[in-house]
Amino acid sequence: MDGGGELIVFFRLVLPLAVPIFLSMGLVNVLSTWNDFIWPLLVLSDQAKTTVTVGLYRFMDPQQIIYGSVFSGMTLASIPLMALFAFTMKYFVQGMTSGAVKA
């Protein structure tokens, strides 16, 4: 670090320390976007462009709800989120607890 410019210090010191924070913020953003329901329901009128949650909602029949199909769709829709969280869990915990303990 001695003799290095601001970019060297940024890329070798600041950026590696900030990676868990960036990943945890990204994971929270993906989760909130994935679970968004009201805004896509109001805005999207084309059936081919709806989100997963709106598609599951529209999959239900007004007269009868076939619970097996709806629950299996919910399970399949949650698999990408579980896989994403499984791969980023270590960084998510580091990012959430990075400012919690004073060293």
C-alpha atoms as a PDB file:
ATOM      1  CA  MET A   1       0.000   0.000   0.000  1.00  0.00           C
ATOM      2  CA  ASP A   2       2.935   2.323   0.567  1.00  0.00           C
ATOM      3  CA  GLY A   3       3.507   4.441  -2.472  1.00  0.00           C
ATOM      4  CA  GLY A   4       0.284   3.351  -4.120  1.00  0.00           C
ATOM      5  CA  GLY A   5      -2.174   5.867  -5.428  1.00  0.00           C
ATOM      6  CA  GLU A   6      -5.797   6.267  -4.495  1.00  0.00           C
ATOM      7  CA  LEU A   7      -6.913   3.652  -7.021  1.00  0.00           C
ATOM      8  CA  ILE A   8      -4.493   1.042  -5.651  1.00  0.00           C
ATOM      9  CA  VAL A   9      -5.745   1.632  -2.111  1.00  0.00           C
ATOM     10  CA  PHE A  10      -9.356   1.503  -3.298  1.00  0.00           C
ATOM     11  CA  PHE A  11      -9.017  -1.748  -5.256  1.00  0.00           C
ATOM     12  CA  ARG A  12      -6.799  -3.570  -2.748  1.00  0.00           C
ATOM     13  CA  LEU A  13      -8.242  -2.361   0.562  1.00  0.00           C
ATOM     14  CA  VAL A  14     -11.675  -0.783   0.301  1.00  0.00           C
ATOM     15  CA  LEU A  15     -13.271  -2.981  -2.350  1.00  0.00           C
ATOM     16  CA  PRO A  16     -12.441  -6.373  -0.710  1.00  0.00           C
ATOM     17  CA  LEU A  17     -13.852  -5.102   2.594  1.00  0.00           C
ATOM     18  CA  ALA A  18     -17.023  -3.867   0.888  1.00  0.00           C
ATOM     19  CA  VAL A  19     -17.815  -7.050  -1.104  1.00  0.00           C
ATOM     20  CA  PRO A  20     -19.972  -8.649   1.659  1.00  0.00           C
ATOM     21  CA  ILE A  21     -21.937  -5.425   2.036  1.00  0.00           C
ATOM     22  CA  PHE A  22     -22.551  -5.144  -1.704  1.00  0.00           C
ATOM     23  CA  LEU A  23     -23.632  -8.790  -1.930  1.00  0.00           C
ATOM     24  CA  SER A  24     -26.008  -8.532   1.034  1.00  0.00           C
ATOM     25  CA  MET A  25     -27.558  -5.353  -0.397  1.00  0.00           C
ATOM     26  CA  GLY A  26     -27.920  -7.063  -3.758  1.00  0.00           C
ATOM     27  CA  LEU A  27     -29.557 -10.117  -2.177  1.00  0.00           C
ATOM     28  CA  VAL A  28     -32.080  -7.989  -0.290  1.00  0.00           C
ATOM     29  CA  ASN A  29     -32.821  -6.055  -3.494  1.00  0.00           C
ATOM     30  CA  VAL A  30     -33.357  -9.260  -5.502  1.00  0.00           C
ATOM     31  CA  LEU A  31     -35.644 -10.666  -2.793  1.00  0.00           C
ATOM     32  CA  SER A  32     -37.784  -7.535  -2.672  1.00  0.00           C
ATOM     33  CA  THR A  33     -38.014  -7.344  -6.459  1.00  0.00           C
ATOM     34  CA  TRP A  34     -38.833 -11.051  -6.786  1.00  0.00           C
ATOM     35  CA  ASN A  35     -41.636 -10.827  -4.206  1.00  0.00           C
ATOM     36  CA  ASP A  36     -43.155  -7.630  -5.614  1.00  0.00           C
ATOM     37  CA  PHE A  37     -46.860  -8.177  -6.271  1.00  0.00           C
ATOM     38  CA  ILE A  38     -48.995  -5.033  -6.302  1.00  0.00           C
ATOM     39  CA  TRP A  39     -47.017  -2.892  -8.758  1.00  0.00           C
ATOM     40  CA  PRO A  40     -46.688  -5.571 -11.490  1.00  0.00           C
ATOM     41  CA  LEU A  41     -50.344  -6.517 -10.992  1.00  0.00           C
ATOM     42  CA  LEU A  42     -51.416  -2.921 -11.667  1.00  0.00           C
ATOM     43  CA  VAL A  43     -48.985  -2.062 -14.446  1.00  0.00           C
ATOM     44  CA  LEU A  44     -48.438  -5.180 -16.561  1.00  0.00           C
ATOM     45  CA  SER A  45     -51.348  -6.068 -18.797  1.00  0.00           C
ATOM     46  CA  ASP A  46     -49.610  -8.565 -21.103  1.00  0.00           C
ATOM     47  CA  GLN A  47     -49.841 -12.130 -19.751  1.00  0.00           C
ATOM     48  CA  ALA A  48     -46.432 -13.056 -21.199  1.00  0.00           C
ATOM     49  CA  LYS A  49     -44.611 -10.321 -19.255  1.00  0.00           C
ATOM     50  CA  THR A  50     -46.008 -10.879 -15.772  1.00  0.00           C
ATOM     51  CA  THR A  51     -43.820 -11.727 -12.808  1.00  0.00           C
ATOM     52  CA  VAL A  52     -43.876 -15.073 -11.020  1.00  0.00           C
ATOM     53  CA  THR A  53     -46.060 -13.899  -8.148  1.00  0.00           C
ATOM     54  CA  VAL A  54     -48.647 -12.333 -10.457  1.00  0.00           C
ATOM     55  CA  GLY A  55     -48.582 -15.428 -12.645  1.00  0.00           C
ATOM     56  CA  LEU A  56     -49.312 -17.621  -9.623  1.00  0.00           C
ATOM     57  CA  TYR A  57     -52.126 -15.289  -8.619  1.00  0.00           C
ATOM     58  CA  ARG A  58     -53.649 -15.429 -12.099  1.00  0.00           C
ATOM     59  CA  PHE A  59     -53.240 -19.208 -12.114  1.00  0.00           C
ATOM     60  CA  MET A  60     -55.963 -19.479  -9.484  1.00  0.00           C
ATOM     61  CA  ASP A  61     -59.512 -19.886 -10.742  1.00  0.00           C
ATOM     62  CA  PRO A  62     -62.150 -17.583  -9.152  1.00  0.00           C
ATOM     63  CA  GLN A  63     -64.601 -20.465  -8.622  1.00  0.00           C
ATOM     64  CA  GLN A  64     -62.130 -23.054  -7.374  1.00  0.00           C
ATOM     65  CA  ILE A  65     -58.571 -22.979  -6.121  1.00  0.00           C
ATOM     66  CA  ILE A  66     -56.590 -26.093  -6.934  1.00  0.00           C
ATOM     67  CA  TYR A  67     -54.248 -26.001  -3.981  1.00  0.00           C
ATOM     68  CA  GLY A  68     -51.871 -28.699  -5.200  1.00  0.00           C
ATOM     69  CA  SER A  69     -51.038 -26.823  -8.384  1.00  0.00           C
ATOM     70  CA  VAL A  70     -50.720 -23.466  -6.645  1.00  0.00           C
ATOM     71  CA  PHE A  71     -48.467 -24.817  -3.886  1.00  0.00           C
ATOM     72  CA  SER A  72     -46.267 -26.667  -6.363  1.00  0.00           C
ATOM     73  CA  GLY A  73     -45.928 -23.439  -8.363  1.00  0.00           C
ATOM     74  CA  MET A  74     -44.964 -21.561  -5.202  1.00  0.00           C
ATOM     75  CA  THR A  75     -42.390 -24.222  -4.391  1.00  0.00           C
ATOM     76  CA  LEU A  76     -40.888 -24.032  -7.872  1.00  0.00           C
ATOM     77  CA  ALA A  77     -40.859 -20.228  -7.697  1.00  0.00           C
ATOM     78  CA  SER A  78     -38.929 -20.288  -4.411  1.00  0.00           C
ATOM     79  CA  ILE A  79     -36.153 -22.610  -5.652  1.00  0.00           C
ATOM     80  CA  PRO A  80     -34.093 -19.839  -7.362  1.00  0.00           C
ATOM     81  CA  LEU A  81     -34.276 -17.708  -4.219  1.00  0.00           C
ATOM     82  CA  MET A  82     -33.150 -20.580  -2.018  1.00  0.00           C
ATOM     83  CA  ALA A  83     -30.263 -21.355  -4.382  1.00  0.00           C
ATOM     84  CA  LEU A  84     -29.208 -17.695  -4.475  1.00  0.00           C
ATOM     85  CA  PHE A  85     -29.317 -17.440  -0.698  1.00  0.00           C
ATOM     86  CA  ALA A  86     -27.408 -20.726  -0.300  1.00  0.00           C
ATOM     87  CA  PHE A  87     -24.553 -19.422  -2.444  1.00  0.00           C
ATOM     88  CA  THR A  88     -24.433 -15.958  -0.836  1.00  0.00           C
ATOM     89  CA  MET A  89     -25.306 -16.855   2.771  1.00  0.00           C
ATOM     90  CA  LYS A  90     -21.735 -16.452   4.034  1.00  0.00           C
ATOM     91  CA  TYR A  91     -21.410 -12.984   2.514  1.00  0.00           C
ATOM     92  CA  PHE A  92     -24.924 -12.050   3.614  1.00  0.00           C
ATOM     93  CA  VAL A  93     -24.122 -12.792   7.260  1.00  0.00           C
ATOM     94  CA  GLN A  94     -20.788 -10.965   7.002  1.00  0.00           C
ATOM     95  CA  GLY A  95     -22.488  -7.949   5.455  1.00  0.00           C
ATOM     96  CA  MET A  96     -25.243  -7.809   8.047  1.00  0.00           C
ATOM     97  CA  THR A  97     -22.849  -8.131  10.995  1.00  0.00           C
ATOM     98  CA  SER A  98     -19.960  -6.034   9.642  1.00  0.00           C
ATOM     99  CA  GLY A  99     -20.899  -2.942  11.628  1.00  0.00           C
ATOM    100  CA  ALA A 100     -22.424  -4.694  14.620  1.00  0.00           C
ATOM    101  CA  VAL A 101     -19.241  -5.432  16.601  1.00  0.00           C
ATOM    102  CA  LYS A 102     -16.651  -2.900  17.616  1.00  0.00           C
ATOM    103  CA  ALA A 103     -13.162  -4.335  17.280  1.00  0.00           C
END
